[in-house]
Amino acid sequence: MAKLIAKTPLDGMAVLTIGTVSIEEVDLGVLTSVAPYVDQASDAGAALKSAHGMAWPAPNRATGKEGARAIWFGRDMVLLAGPAPDASLATHAALTDQSDAWCAVQVSGAGAEDVLARLVPVDVGFARFKRGHTARTQIQHMNGSVTRVGTDTFVLMVFRSMAGTLLHDLRRAMESVAARG
């Protein structure tokens, strides 16, 4: 019988640096969508705060920190990234494991905003898109999520099946930005 070997979406790619921007695949831990039941949103938020120490994020925001984040993922939906969800959340929300469904990369460096400007129809400039801001948006032609986690650092997520396309599109945008400088 064949042995199956688990692989990350980008198969453990090495850090790629072009110009002042680097990308690397990141492991966000367990990914769980948390969707409150009808009239349970405030209770789900309280359970999230009690169990994981982070507030329910407002639209287009993320709470928590590296290793344990709650990322707004759409109307009445949060993606818990990092820890396995506490059982108390299931009382107030539907929990769905999304761990194998997403590819996550970190884009960092002085030109990260310029790279994303070529791929994302959202103003990710620091004046408007500060640390803790997030958007469910298009990344080139893919549905995805962009979250600023530092001054010049973003986490991008796309469906796992689009991992290679994301890498290709990021590489081209990085080359274009580097060629300008």
C-alpha atoms as a PDB file:
ATOM      1  CA  MET A   1       0.000   0.000   0.000  1.00  0.00           C
ATOM      2  CA  ALA A   2       1.290   3.446  -0.903  1.00  0.00           C
ATOM      3  CA  LYS A   3       2.110   5.867   1.877  1.00  0.00           C
ATOM      4  CA  LEU A   4       0.633   9.318   1.499  1.00  0.00           C
ATOM      5  CA  ILE A   5       2.803  12.275   2.395  1.00  0.00           C
ATOM      6  CA  ALA A   6       1.150  15.524   3.425  1.00  0.00           C
ATOM      7  CA  LYS A   7       2.474  18.537   1.537  1.00  0.00           C
ATOM      8  CA  THR A   8       1.868  22.226   1.982  1.00  0.00           C
ATOM      9  CA  PRO A   9       0.130  24.028  -0.900  1.00  0.00           C
ATOM     10  CA  LEU A  10       3.467  25.387  -2.167  1.00  0.00           C
ATOM     11  CA  ASP A  11       5.368  22.253  -1.107  1.00  0.00           C
ATOM     12  CA  GLY A  12       7.553  24.072   1.421  1.00  0.00           C
ATOM     13  CA  MET A  13       8.893  26.653  -1.033  1.00  0.00           C
ATOM     14  CA  ALA A  14      11.992  28.623  -0.094  1.00  0.00           C
ATOM     15  CA  VAL A  15      11.711  32.343   0.575  1.00  0.00           C
ATOM     16  CA  LEU A  16      11.645  34.242  -2.714  1.00  0.00           C
ATOM     17  CA  THR A  17      13.159  37.738  -2.712  1.00  0.00           C
ATOM     18  CA  ILE A  18      13.085  40.056  -5.701  1.00  0.00           C
ATOM     19  CA  GLY A  19      14.167  43.644  -5.177  1.00  0.00           C
ATOM     20  CA  THR A  20      13.008  44.765  -1.734  1.00  0.00           C
ATOM     21  CA  VAL A  21      10.103  42.319  -1.455  1.00  0.00           C
ATOM     22  CA  SER A  22      10.080  38.781  -0.117  1.00  0.00           C
ATOM     23  CA  ILE A  23       7.390  36.147  -0.151  1.00  0.00           C
ATOM     24  CA  GLU A  24       7.237  32.969   1.830  1.00  0.00           C
ATOM     25  CA  GLU A  25       4.647  30.327   2.479  1.00  0.00           C
ATOM     26  CA  VAL A  26       3.343  30.519   6.045  1.00  0.00           C
ATOM     27  CA  ASP A  27       1.586  27.989   8.214  1.00  0.00           C
ATOM     28  CA  LEU A  28      -1.266  29.768   9.975  1.00  0.00           C
ATOM     29  CA  GLY A  29      -2.060  26.713  12.093  1.00  0.00           C
ATOM     30  CA  VAL A  30      -5.558  25.331  12.304  1.00  0.00           C
ATOM     31  CA  LEU A  31      -8.003  27.331  10.161  1.00  0.00           C
ATOM     32  CA  THR A  32     -11.619  27.242  11.310  1.00  0.00           C
ATOM     33  CA  SER A  33     -14.543  29.214   9.941  1.00  0.00           C
ATOM     34  CA  VAL A  34     -16.773  30.422  12.736  1.00  0.00           C
ATOM     35  CA  ALA A  35     -20.315  31.319  11.657  1.00  0.00           C
ATOM     36  CA  PRO A  36     -22.671  32.332  14.493  1.00  0.00           C
ATOM     37  CA  TYR A  37     -26.110  30.799  14.628  1.00  0.00           C
ATOM     38  CA  VAL A  38     -29.091  33.150  14.277  1.00  0.00           C
ATOM     39  CA  ASP A  39     -29.096  35.727  17.098  1.00  0.00           C
ATOM     40  CA  GLN A  40     -25.909  34.219  18.575  1.00  0.00           C
ATOM     41  CA  ALA A  41     -23.287  36.669  17.255  1.00  0.00           C
ATOM     42  CA  SER A  42     -22.681  38.445  20.564  1.00  0.00           C
ATOM     43  CA  ASP A  43     -22.509  35.131  22.447  1.00  0.00           C
ATOM     44  CA  ALA A  44     -20.086  33.744  19.848  1.00  0.00           C
ATOM     45  CA  GLY A  45     -17.961  36.875  20.285  1.00  0.00           C
ATOM     46  CA  ALA A  46     -17.975  36.456  24.059  1.00  0.00           C
ATOM     47  CA  ALA A  47     -17.009  32.785  23.715  1.00  0.00           C
ATOM     48  CA  LEU A  48     -14.164  33.701  21.334  1.00  0.00           C
ATOM     49  CA  LYS A  49     -12.889  36.327  23.787  1.00  0.00           C
ATOM     50  CA  SER A  50     -13.161  33.981  26.760  1.00  0.00           C
ATOM     51  CA  ALA A  51     -11.622  30.931  25.079  1.00  0.00           C
ATOM     52  CA  HIS A  52      -8.974  32.527  22.866  1.00  0.00           C
ATOM     53  CA  GLY A  53      -8.414  36.013  24.320  1.00  0.00           C
ATOM     54  CA  MET A  54      -9.355  37.947  21.191  1.00  0.00           C
ATOM     55  CA  ALA A  55     -12.356  40.036  20.294  1.00  0.00           C
ATOM     56  CA  TRP A  56     -14.745  39.250  17.460  1.00  0.00           C
ATOM     57  CA  PRO A  57     -13.353  41.380  14.623  1.00  0.00           C
ATOM     58  CA  ALA A  58     -15.338  44.196  13.071  1.00  0.00           C
ATOM     59  CA  PRO A  59     -15.847  44.051   9.289  1.00  0.00           C
ATOM     60  CA  ASN A  60     -12.526  44.330   7.432  1.00  0.00           C
ATOM     61  CA  ARG A  61     -10.494  43.870  10.601  1.00  0.00           C
ATOM     62  CA  ALA A  62      -8.478  41.149  12.291  1.00  0.00           C
ATOM     63  CA  THR A  63      -7.841  40.706  16.000  1.00  0.00           C
ATOM     64  CA  GLY A  64      -5.254  38.714  17.898  1.00  0.00           C
ATOM     65  CA  LYS A  65      -1.616  38.278  16.937  1.00  0.00           C
ATOM     66  CA  GLU A  66       0.707  35.887  15.172  1.00  0.00           C
ATOM     67  CA  GLY A  67      -0.198  32.350  16.131  1.00  0.00           C
ATOM     68  CA  ALA A  68      -3.779  33.209  17.119  1.00  0.00           C
ATOM     69  CA  ARG A  69      -5.837  35.515  14.901  1.00  0.00           C
ATOM     70  CA  ALA A  70      -9.514  36.074  14.215  1.00  0.00           C
ATOM     71  CA  ILE A  71      -9.846  37.382  10.660  1.00  0.00           C
ATOM     72  CA  TRP A  72     -13.103  38.876   9.355  1.00  0.00           C
ATOM     73  CA  PHE A  73     -14.026  36.611   6.474  1.00  0.00           C
ATOM     74  CA  GLY A  74     -17.372  37.996   5.342  1.00  0.00           C
ATOM     75  CA  ARG A  75     -20.750  38.832   6.746  1.00  0.00           C
ATOM     76  CA  ASP A  76     -21.247  36.922   9.998  1.00  0.00           C
ATOM     77  CA  MET A  77     -18.090  34.876   9.418  1.00  0.00           C
ATOM     78  CA  VAL A  78     -14.683  34.840  11.052  1.00  0.00           C
ATOM     79  CA  LEU A  79     -11.684  32.679  10.251  1.00  0.00           C
ATOM     80  CA  LEU A  80      -9.953  31.553  13.432  1.00  0.00           C
ATOM     81  CA  ALA A  81      -6.301  31.019  12.494  1.00  0.00           C
ATOM     82  CA  GLY A  82      -3.868  29.302  14.825  1.00  0.00           C
ATOM     83  CA  PRO A  83      -5.436  27.407  17.676  1.00  0.00           C
ATOM     84  CA  ALA A  84      -7.967  24.634  17.418  1.00  0.00           C
ATOM     85  CA  PRO A  85     -11.346  26.130  18.315  1.00  0.00           C
ATOM     86  CA  ASP A  86     -12.466  25.780  21.899  1.00  0.00           C
ATOM     87  CA  ALA A  87     -15.534  23.550  22.266  1.00  0.00           C
ATOM     88  CA  SER A  88     -17.475  26.451  23.823  1.00  0.00           C
ATOM     89  CA  LEU A  89     -17.639  28.143  20.396  1.00  0.00           C
ATOM     90  CA  ALA A  90     -19.735  25.272  18.999  1.00  0.00           C
ATOM     91  CA  THR A  91     -22.584  26.241  21.338  1.00  0.00           C
ATOM     92  CA  HIS A  92     -23.005  29.562  19.510  1.00  0.00           C
ATOM     93  CA  ALA A  93     -21.597  29.003  16.012  1.00  0.00           C
ATOM     94  CA  ALA A  94     -21.071  26.509  13.244  1.00  0.00           C
ATOM     95  CA  LEU A  95     -17.394  25.532  13.105  1.00  0.00           C
ATOM     96  CA  THR A  96     -15.853  24.214   9.897  1.00  0.00           C
ATOM     97  CA  ASP A  97     -12.247  23.089   9.563  1.00  0.00           C
ATOM     98  CA  GLN A  98     -10.690  24.959   6.613  1.00  0.00           C
ATOM     99  CA  SER A  99      -7.067  23.986   7.292  1.00  0.00           C
ATOM    100  CA  ASP A 100      -6.484  22.118   4.035  1.00  0.00           C
ATOM    101  CA  ALA A 101      -8.504  24.534   1.894  1.00  0.00           C
ATOM    102  CA  TRP A 102      -6.216  27.569   1.886  1.00  0.00           C
ATOM    103  CA  CYS A 103      -2.727  28.609   0.831  1.00  0.00           C
ATOM    104  CA  ALA A 104      -1.174  31.432   2.856  1.00  0.00           C
ATOM    105  CA  VAL A 105       1.859  33.514   1.955  1.00  0.00           C
ATOM    106  CA  GLN A 106       3.517  36.416   3.685  1.00  0.00           C
ATOM    107  CA  VAL A 107       4.538  39.339   1.501  1.00  0.00           C
ATOM    108  CA  SER A 108       7.011  41.684   3.166  1.00  0.00           C
ATOM    109  CA  GLY A 109       9.448  44.440   2.403  1.00  0.00           C
ATOM    110  CA  ALA A 110       9.594  48.100   1.512  1.00  0.00           C
ATOM    111  CA  GLY A 111       7.889  47.526  -1.858  1.00  0.00           C
ATOM    112  CA  ALA A 112       5.132  45.204  -0.636  1.00  0.00           C
ATOM    113  CA  GLU A 113       2.412  47.836  -1.101  1.00  0.00           C
ATOM    114  CA  ASP A 114       3.599  48.484  -4.674  1.00  0.00           C
ATOM    115  CA  VAL A 115       3.513  44.760  -5.471  1.00  0.00           C
ATOM    116  CA  LEU A 116      -0.004  44.408  -4.087  1.00  0.00           C
ATOM    117  CA  ALA A 117      -1.142  47.526  -5.976  1.00  0.00           C
ATOM    118  CA  ARG A 118      -0.567  45.510  -9.154  1.00  0.00           C
ATOM    119  CA  LEU A 119      -2.701  42.609  -7.967  1.00  0.00           C
ATOM    120  CA  VAL A 120      -5.403  43.860  -5.605  1.00  0.00           C
ATOM    121  CA  PRO A 121      -8.225  46.351  -6.356  1.00  0.00           C
ATOM    122  CA  VAL A 122      -8.037  47.687  -2.795  1.00  0.00           C
ATOM    123  CA  ASP A 123      -5.939  50.590  -1.534  1.00  0.00           C
ATOM    124  CA  VAL A 124      -3.500  48.816   0.793  1.00  0.00           C
ATOM    125  CA  GLY A 125      -1.496  51.965   1.449  1.00  0.00           C
ATOM    126  CA  PHE A 126      -0.663  52.415   5.119  1.00  0.00           C
ATOM    127  CA  ALA A 127      -2.713  55.631   5.374  1.00  0.00           C
ATOM    128  CA  ARG A 128      -5.923  53.639   4.787  1.00  0.00           C
ATOM    129  CA  PHE A 129      -5.028  49.982   5.364  1.00  0.00           C
ATOM    130  CA  LYS A 130      -3.288  49.814   8.734  1.00  0.00           C
ATOM    131  CA  ARG A 131      -2.091  46.848  10.755  1.00  0.00           C
ATOM    132  CA  GLY A 132      -5.081  44.676  11.608  1.00  0.00           C
ATOM    133  CA  HIS A 133      -7.021  45.660   8.483  1.00  0.00           C
ATOM    134  CA  THR A 134      -8.190  42.864   6.226  1.00  0.00           C
ATOM    135  CA  ALA A 135     -10.152  42.530   3.014  1.00  0.00           C
ATOM    136  CA  ARG A 136     -11.837  39.687   1.188  1.00  0.00           C
ATOM    137  CA  THR A 137     -11.040  40.697  -2.362  1.00  0.00           C
ATOM    138  CA  GLN A 138      -9.665  39.683  -5.706  1.00  0.00           C
ATOM    139  CA  ILE A 139      -5.963  38.888  -5.888  1.00  0.00           C
ATOM    140  CA  GLN A 140      -5.386  39.225  -9.613  1.00  0.00           C
ATOM    141  CA  HIS A 141      -8.280  37.011 -10.785  1.00  0.00           C
ATOM    142  CA  MET A 142      -8.576  34.821  -7.661  1.00  0.00           C
ATOM    143  CA  ASN A 143     -10.846  35.200  -4.655  1.00  0.00           C
ATOM    144  CA  GLY A 144      -8.716  35.746  -1.607  1.00  0.00           C
ATOM    145  CA  SER A 145      -7.963  37.558   1.595  1.00  0.00           C
ATOM    146  CA  VAL A 146      -5.368  40.247   2.323  1.00  0.00           C
ATOM    147  CA  THR A 147      -4.455  41.123   5.918  1.00  0.00           C
ATOM    148  CA  ARG A 148      -1.835  43.652   7.024  1.00  0.00           C
ATOM    149  CA  VAL A 149       0.110  42.139   9.924  1.00  0.00           C
ATOM    150  CA  GLY A 150       2.965  44.656  10.115  1.00  0.00           C
ATOM    151  CA  THR A 151       4.190  47.971   8.759  1.00  0.00           C
ATOM    152  CA  ASP A 152       5.276  46.419   5.469  1.00  0.00           C
ATOM    153  CA  THR A 153       4.001  42.856   5.920  1.00  0.00           C
ATOM    154  CA  PHE A 154       0.837  41.236   4.600  1.00  0.00           C
ATOM    155  CA  VAL A 155      -0.659  37.756   4.719  1.00  0.00           C
ATOM    156  CA  LEU A 156      -2.428  36.713   1.523  1.00  0.00           C
ATOM    157  CA  MET A 157      -4.721  33.706   1.344  1.00  0.00           C
ATOM    158  CA  VAL A 158      -6.194  31.999  -1.714  1.00  0.00           C
ATOM    159  CA  PHE A 159      -7.778  28.620  -2.220  1.00  0.00           C
ATOM    160  CA  ARG A 160      -5.198  25.861  -2.131  1.00  0.00           C
ATOM    161  CA  SER A 161      -5.888  24.950  -5.744  1.00  0.00           C
ATOM    162  CA  MET A 162      -4.685  28.437  -6.762  1.00  0.00           C
ATOM    163  CA  ALA A 163      -1.335  28.278  -4.903  1.00  0.00           C
ATOM    164  CA  GLY A 164       0.809  28.001  -8.038  1.00  0.00           C
ATOM    165  CA  THR A 165      -1.088  30.810  -9.751  1.00  0.00           C
ATOM    166  CA  LEU A 166      -0.642  33.055  -6.701  1.00  0.00           C
ATOM    167  CA  LEU A 167       3.096  32.389  -6.696  1.00  0.00           C
ATOM    168  CA  HIS A 168       3.307  33.118 -10.434  1.00  0.00           C
ATOM    169  CA  ASP A 169       1.329  36.366 -10.148  1.00  0.00           C
ATOM    170  CA  LEU A 170       3.326  37.562  -7.135  1.00  0.00           C
ATOM    171  CA  ARG A 171       6.624  36.800  -8.869  1.00  0.00           C
ATOM    172  CA  ARG A 172       5.608  38.807 -11.956  1.00  0.00           C
ATOM    173  CA  ALA A 173       4.430  41.759  -9.853  1.00  0.00           C
ATOM    174  CA  MET A 174       7.655  41.657  -7.798  1.00  0.00           C
ATOM    175  CA  GLU A 175       9.771  41.627 -10.972  1.00  0.00           C
ATOM    176  CA  SER A 176       7.814  44.572 -12.352  1.00  0.00           C
ATOM    177  CA  VAL A 177       8.271  46.623  -9.171  1.00  0.00           C
ATOM    178  CA  ALA A 178      11.974  45.736  -8.953  1.00  0.00           C
ATOM    179  CA  ALA A 179      12.508  46.771 -12.579  1.00  0.00           C
ATOM    180  CA  ARG A 180      11.202  50.254 -11.790  1.00  0.00           C
ATOM    181  CA  GLY A 181      13.767  50.800  -9.059  1.00  0.00           C
END
